[in-house]
Amino acid sequence: MAESLSGSITVKLLDNDGDPDFPCCDSDCNDVNSSMVTNPEFLSRYIPSINSNLVIRQQSSQGLSFQLWPAATTLVTLLDNYRHNPNDSSLSTILTSPGEQHQHHRWLRILELGSGTGFVGIAAAAILSANVTVTDLSHVTSNLKFNVVANRNVLASNNGVVDVAELNWGRVDHMEAVGRDYDVVLGSDLVYHDHLFEPLIETLKYFLLGGERRKMVFLMAHLKRWKKESVFFKKAKKHFAIDVVYQDNPSDGQRVGVVVYRFLGKQ
């Protein structure tokens, strides 16, 4: 709770005109081609702990899932500060440091729900040298793949791997397809449409309460906007122990800051 996010994630708009390295067309991903970059919005975000920039394509006109939201930035900054000083981080009891991962010859396996642009999942893979599966609805996955390819060099240089998968909350076949073999589940700005509260809870029950990994943790960064969101937390507390691991100061005229919650399945 008292942790201070000292890192600075710098944001800069990019212009892809004339850049031969920009992934307008890439043989590694059939979904990335020149027809996908009509009036795009590109952001470059500097991640201090890996001394690298991540490039994220937003397509705001396509809907909420194609935009970068404040909770995502807070969660990435929290991960970035963990990489700088894992012993002084509120995530120290949740995550395994990159050095320990390599010592034990295994990657941290992470699942991200409602990935949107993929910023959190891609950053987590690079910062933690982790194997991350980013997920969202089918119409969002093309942009997810684009952003993964756009950052392939940063991922490779930091031993990070990102896979993209379709996952509709509450769809058992989708959840079975991505499997339960994860250490941590991540999410940011997931709680806004009340008709999705139950599907999200059912999805969390599948991953946190099912299978052999009974101690899997869900980290959710959330910026409160409406009173109705309390309904989600009331329902979720029937199945999960929920506590706050970090709280941001309010910014940009907000009355409250982003809060990062930890969910653990009740025994």
Protein backbone atom coordinates (compact mmCIF):
# COMPACT_ATOMS: atom_id res chain seq x y z
CA MET A 1 0.00 0.00 0.00
CA ALA A 2 2.80 2.41 0.89
CA GLU A 3 4.90 1.55 -2.13
CA SER A 4 5.94 4.51 -4.25
CA LEU A 5 6.07 4.04 -8.02
CA SER A 6 9.34 5.79 -8.71
CA GLY A 7 9.68 4.63 -12.31
CA SER A 8 8.75 6.91 -15.16
CA ILE A 9 7.07 5.40 -18.21
CA THR A 10 7.44 7.98 -20.96
CA VAL A 11 4.75 8.25 -23.63
CA LYS A 12 5.43 9.51 -27.16
CA LEU A 13 3.30 9.49 -30.30
CA LEU A 14 4.94 7.82 -33.28
CA ASP A 15 4.71 8.41 -36.99
CA ASN A 16 5.31 5.25 -39.03
CA ASP A 17 5.84 7.09 -42.35
CA GLY A 18 9.13 6.14 -43.90
CA ASP A 19 10.22 3.76 -41.12
CA PRO A 20 11.45 0.55 -42.79
CA ASP A 21 11.38 -1.36 -39.47
CA PHE A 22 7.77 -0.60 -38.68
CA PRO A 23 5.70 -3.84 -38.83
CA CYS A 24 3.27 -2.81 -41.56
CA CYS A 25 3.95 -6.10 -43.29
CA ASP A 26 5.64 -9.03 -41.60
CA SER A 27 5.90 -12.63 -42.78
CA ASP A 28 5.90 -13.83 -39.16
CA CYS A 29 2.26 -12.83 -38.70
CA ASN A 30 -0.29 -13.04 -41.49
CA ASP A 31 -2.59 -10.59 -39.69
CA VAL A 32 -0.05 -7.76 -39.90
CA ASN A 33 -0.13 -6.08 -43.29
CA SER A 34 -0.34 -2.66 -44.86
CA SER A 35 -4.15 -2.67 -44.92
CA MET A 36 -4.18 -2.65 -41.09
CA VAL A 37 -2.38 0.68 -40.67
CA THR A 38 -4.99 3.07 -42.04
CA ASN A 39 -4.99 6.09 -39.68
CA PRO A 40 -3.54 4.20 -36.71
CA GLU A 41 -2.45 5.78 -33.42
CA PHE A 42 0.95 4.59 -32.26
CA LEU A 43 2.37 5.10 -28.79
CA SER A 44 5.94 4.49 -27.66
CA ARG A 45 6.34 3.71 -23.97
CA TYR A 46 9.75 3.65 -22.36
CA ILE A 47 10.25 0.92 -19.73
CA PRO A 48 13.18 1.91 -17.48
CA SER A 49 13.96 -1.51 -15.99
CA ILE A 50 14.73 -3.01 -19.41
CA ASN A 51 15.92 0.26 -20.99
CA SER A 52 13.62 -0.29 -23.96
CA ASN A 53 10.61 1.20 -25.69
CA LEU A 54 7.42 -0.73 -26.34
CA VAL A 55 5.34 0.29 -29.36
CA ILE A 56 1.58 0.00 -29.02
CA ARG A 57 -0.99 0.59 -31.75
CA GLN A 58 -4.27 2.05 -30.60
CA GLN A 59 -7.34 2.18 -32.84
CA SER A 60 -9.68 4.31 -30.76
CA SER A 61 -12.40 4.40 -33.40
CA GLN A 62 -12.73 0.60 -33.11
CA GLY A 63 -13.90 0.65 -29.50
CA LEU A 64 -12.79 0.43 -25.87
CA SER A 65 -10.61 -2.64 -26.37
CA PHE A 66 -8.38 -0.78 -28.81
CA GLN A 67 -7.40 1.98 -26.38
CA LEU A 68 -4.83 2.21 -23.61
CA TRP A 69 -6.37 2.91 -20.18
CA PRO A 70 -4.84 4.31 -16.94
CA ALA A 71 -5.00 1.05 -14.98
CA ALA A 72 -2.78 -0.65 -17.56
CA THR A 73 -0.07 1.98 -17.12
CA THR A 74 -0.22 1.64 -13.33
CA LEU A 75 0.11 -2.14 -13.49
CA VAL A 76 3.07 -1.96 -15.89
CA THR A 77 4.79 0.65 -13.69
CA LEU A 78 4.28 -1.64 -10.68
CA LEU A 79 5.90 -4.52 -12.61
CA ASP A 80 8.71 -2.21 -13.74
CA ASN A 81 9.45 -1.18 -10.14
CA TYR A 82 9.39 -4.83 -9.11
CA ARG A 83 12.09 -5.57 -11.70
CA HIS A 84 14.19 -2.69 -10.29
CA ASN A 85 13.88 -3.82 -6.67
CA PRO A 86 11.92 -7.05 -6.13
CA ASN A 87 12.61 -7.20 -2.39
CA ASP A 88 11.00 -3.78 -1.82
CA SER A 89 7.93 -4.39 -3.98
CA SER A 90 4.36 -5.22 -2.98
CA LEU A 91 4.57 -7.92 -5.66
CA SER A 92 7.53 -9.69 -4.02
CA THR A 93 5.35 -12.40 -2.43
CA ILE A 94 3.40 -12.92 -5.66
CA LEU A 95 6.04 -13.05 -8.38
CA THR A 96 9.33 -14.88 -8.81
CA SER A 97 12.25 -12.67 -9.80
CA PRO A 98 13.75 -13.15 -13.29
CA GLY A 99 17.05 -14.35 -11.78
CA GLU A 100 15.30 -17.05 -9.76
CA GLN A 101 13.36 -18.13 -12.84
CA HIS A 102 16.54 -18.67 -14.81
CA GLN A 103 18.20 -20.40 -11.86
CA HIS A 104 15.38 -22.93 -11.77
CA HIS A 105 15.26 -23.19 -15.58
CA ARG A 106 11.62 -22.20 -15.87
CA TRP A 107 9.65 -19.19 -17.02
CA LEU A 108 6.97 -17.50 -15.03
CA ARG A 109 3.72 -18.36 -16.82
CA ILE A 110 1.16 -15.56 -16.98
CA LEU A 111 -2.36 -15.32 -18.38
CA GLU A 112 -3.85 -11.91 -19.14
CA LEU A 113 -7.61 -11.46 -19.39
CA GLY A 114 -9.16 -8.72 -21.53
CA SER A 115 -5.77 -7.76 -22.93
CA GLY A 116 -7.03 -5.03 -25.29
CA THR A 117 -3.94 -3.53 -26.90
CA GLY A 118 -1.72 -6.08 -25.14
CA PHE A 119 0.42 -3.45 -23.41
CA VAL A 120 0.30 -5.15 -19.98
CA GLY A 121 0.95 -8.66 -21.27
CA ILE A 122 3.75 -7.64 -23.63
CA ALA A 123 5.37 -5.51 -20.91
CA ALA A 124 5.06 -8.33 -18.36
CA ALA A 125 6.75 -10.78 -20.74
CA ALA A 126 9.68 -8.40 -21.32
CA ILE A 127 10.04 -7.14 -17.74
CA LEU A 128 9.74 -10.56 -16.08
CA SER A 129 11.30 -12.68 -18.85
CA ALA A 130 8.00 -14.54 -18.75
CA ASN A 131 5.82 -16.70 -20.97
CA VAL A 132 2.57 -14.74 -21.32
CA THR A 133 -0.70 -15.61 -23.02
CA VAL A 134 -2.71 -12.49 -23.90
CA THR A 135 -6.42 -12.98 -24.56
CA ASP A 136 -9.46 -11.08 -25.74
CA LEU A 137 -12.45 -11.34 -28.08
CA SER A 138 -11.89 -12.55 -31.63
CA HIS A 139 -12.20 -9.11 -33.24
CA VAL A 140 -9.46 -7.78 -30.93
CA THR A 141 -6.85 -10.48 -31.51
CA SER A 142 -5.59 -9.09 -34.83
CA ASN A 143 -4.45 -5.89 -33.14
CA LEU A 144 -2.99 -7.94 -30.30
CA LYS A 145 -0.94 -9.93 -32.80
CA PHE A 146 0.17 -6.73 -34.50
CA ASN A 147 1.47 -5.30 -31.22
CA VAL A 148 3.23 -8.54 -30.29
CA VAL A 149 5.06 -8.54 -33.65
CA ALA A 150 5.87 -4.83 -33.28
CA ASN A 151 7.72 -5.62 -30.06
CA ARG A 152 9.29 -8.92 -31.07
CA ASN A 153 12.87 -7.64 -30.80
CA VAL A 154 12.37 -6.27 -27.28
CA LEU A 155 10.72 -9.53 -26.25
CA ALA A 156 13.51 -11.64 -27.71
CA SER A 157 16.28 -9.58 -26.08
CA ASN A 158 14.59 -9.99 -22.68
CA ASN A 159 13.72 -13.70 -23.03
CA GLY A 160 9.99 -12.96 -23.09
CA VAL A 161 7.43 -14.92 -25.08
CA VAL A 162 3.86 -13.82 -25.88
CA ASP A 163 1.09 -15.98 -27.31
CA VAL A 164 -2.28 -14.64 -28.45
CA ALA A 165 -5.55 -16.50 -27.88
CA GLU A 166 -9.27 -15.83 -28.14
CA LEU A 167 -11.07 -16.01 -24.81
CA ASN A 168 -14.69 -15.05 -24.26
CA TRP A 169 -15.31 -14.87 -20.53
CA GLY A 170 -17.46 -17.73 -19.36
CA ARG A 171 -16.84 -19.85 -22.46
CA VAL A 172 -15.56 -23.15 -21.08
CA ASP A 173 -14.24 -24.27 -24.47
CA HIS A 174 -12.12 -21.12 -24.73
CA MET A 175 -10.81 -21.53 -21.19
CA GLU A 176 -9.97 -25.18 -21.78
CA ALA A 177 -8.11 -24.21 -24.96
CA VAL A 178 -5.75 -21.84 -23.11
CA GLY A 179 -5.40 -24.26 -20.19
CA ARG A 180 -4.78 -23.74 -16.48
CA ASP A 181 -0.98 -23.99 -16.40
CA TYR A 182 -0.27 -20.47 -15.12
CA ASP A 183 1.31 -18.92 -12.05
CA VAL A 184 -0.41 -15.54 -12.23
CA VAL A 185 -3.45 -14.06 -13.96
CA LEU A 186 -3.38 -10.34 -14.83
CA GLY A 187 -6.09 -7.88 -15.80
CA SER A 188 -6.62 -4.12 -15.98
CA ASP A 189 -9.78 -2.03 -16.34
CA LEU A 190 -11.96 -5.12 -16.70
CA VAL A 191 -14.92 -4.07 -14.55
CA TYR A 192 -17.14 -1.60 -16.39
CA HIS A 193 -20.03 -3.39 -18.17
CA ASP A 194 -22.34 -4.93 -15.57
CA HIS A 195 -23.53 -7.66 -17.94
CA LEU A 196 -19.95 -8.97 -17.92
CA PHE A 197 -19.64 -9.26 -14.14
CA GLU A 198 -20.92 -12.85 -13.99
CA PRO A 199 -18.91 -14.10 -17.01
CA LEU A 200 -15.75 -12.58 -15.53
CA ILE A 201 -16.38 -14.20 -12.15
CA GLU A 202 -17.04 -17.57 -13.81
CA THR A 203 -13.77 -17.20 -15.70
CA LEU A 204 -11.87 -16.40 -12.51
CA LYS A 205 -13.46 -19.39 -10.78
CA TYR A 206 -12.27 -21.64 -13.60
CA PHE A 207 -8.65 -20.54 -13.31
CA LEU A 208 -8.33 -19.83 -9.57
CA LEU A 209 -10.55 -22.57 -8.15
CA GLY A 210 -10.13 -25.37 -10.67
CA GLY A 211 -7.25 -27.69 -11.45
CA GLU A 212 -4.18 -28.40 -9.38
CA ARG A 213 -2.86 -24.84 -9.04
CA ARG A 214 -5.15 -23.86 -6.17
CA LYS A 215 -2.89 -20.94 -5.15
CA MET A 216 -2.96 -19.15 -8.49
CA VAL A 217 -3.19 -15.37 -8.00
CA PHE A 218 -5.21 -12.83 -9.97
CA LEU A 219 -3.84 -9.26 -10.00
CA MET A 220 -6.36 -6.70 -11.21
CA ALA A 221 -5.67 -2.99 -11.69
CA HIS A 222 -8.91 -1.03 -11.51
CA LEU A 223 -9.98 2.61 -11.66
CA LYS A 224 -13.36 3.10 -10.06
CA ARG A 225 -15.81 5.03 -12.25
CA TRP A 226 -19.34 3.97 -11.26
CA LYS A 227 -21.16 2.82 -8.14
CA LYS A 228 -22.40 -0.31 -9.93
CA GLU A 229 -18.87 -1.71 -9.84
CA SER A 230 -19.37 -2.51 -6.14
CA VAL A 231 -21.79 -5.25 -7.27
CA PHE A 232 -18.92 -7.08 -8.95
CA PHE A 233 -16.74 -7.00 -5.84
CA LYS A 234 -19.63 -8.10 -3.61
CA LYS A 235 -20.25 -11.12 -5.85
CA ALA A 236 -16.54 -11.88 -6.25
CA LYS A 237 -15.97 -11.92 -2.47
CA LYS A 238 -18.24 -14.97 -2.22
CA HIS A 239 -15.54 -16.98 -4.01
CA PHE A 240 -12.28 -15.08 -3.53
CA ALA A 241 -10.28 -13.43 -0.79
CA ILE A 242 -9.58 -9.93 -2.11
CA ASP A 243 -7.05 -7.44 -0.76
CA VAL A 244 -5.34 -4.28 -1.98
CA VAL A 245 -1.65 -4.54 -2.88
CA TYR A 246 -1.21 -1.02 -4.22
CA GLN A 247 -3.15 2.24 -4.57
CA ASP A 248 -2.24 5.13 -6.85
CA ASN A 249 -2.77 8.78 -6.02
CA PRO A 250 -5.60 10.42 -8.01
CA SER A 251 -4.56 12.08 -11.27
CA ASP A 252 -6.03 13.84 -14.30
CA GLY A 253 -8.95 15.26 -12.32
CA GLN A 254 -9.99 11.86 -10.93
CA ARG A 255 -11.33 11.65 -7.37
CA VAL A 256 -9.63 8.29 -6.82
CA GLY A 257 -6.52 6.61 -8.14
CA VAL A 258 -5.97 3.21 -9.69
CA VAL A 259 -6.12 0.34 -7.18
CA VAL A 260 -4.38 -3.01 -7.72
CA TYR A 261 -6.22 -5.92 -6.10
CA ARG A 262 -5.08 -9.46 -5.35
CA PHE A 263 -7.65 -12.25 -5.70
CA LEU A 264 -7.07 -15.67 -4.13
CA GLY A 265 -9.52 -18.54 -4.35
CA LYS A 266 -11.20 -19.44 -1.07
CA GLN A 267 -10.55 -22.95 0.13
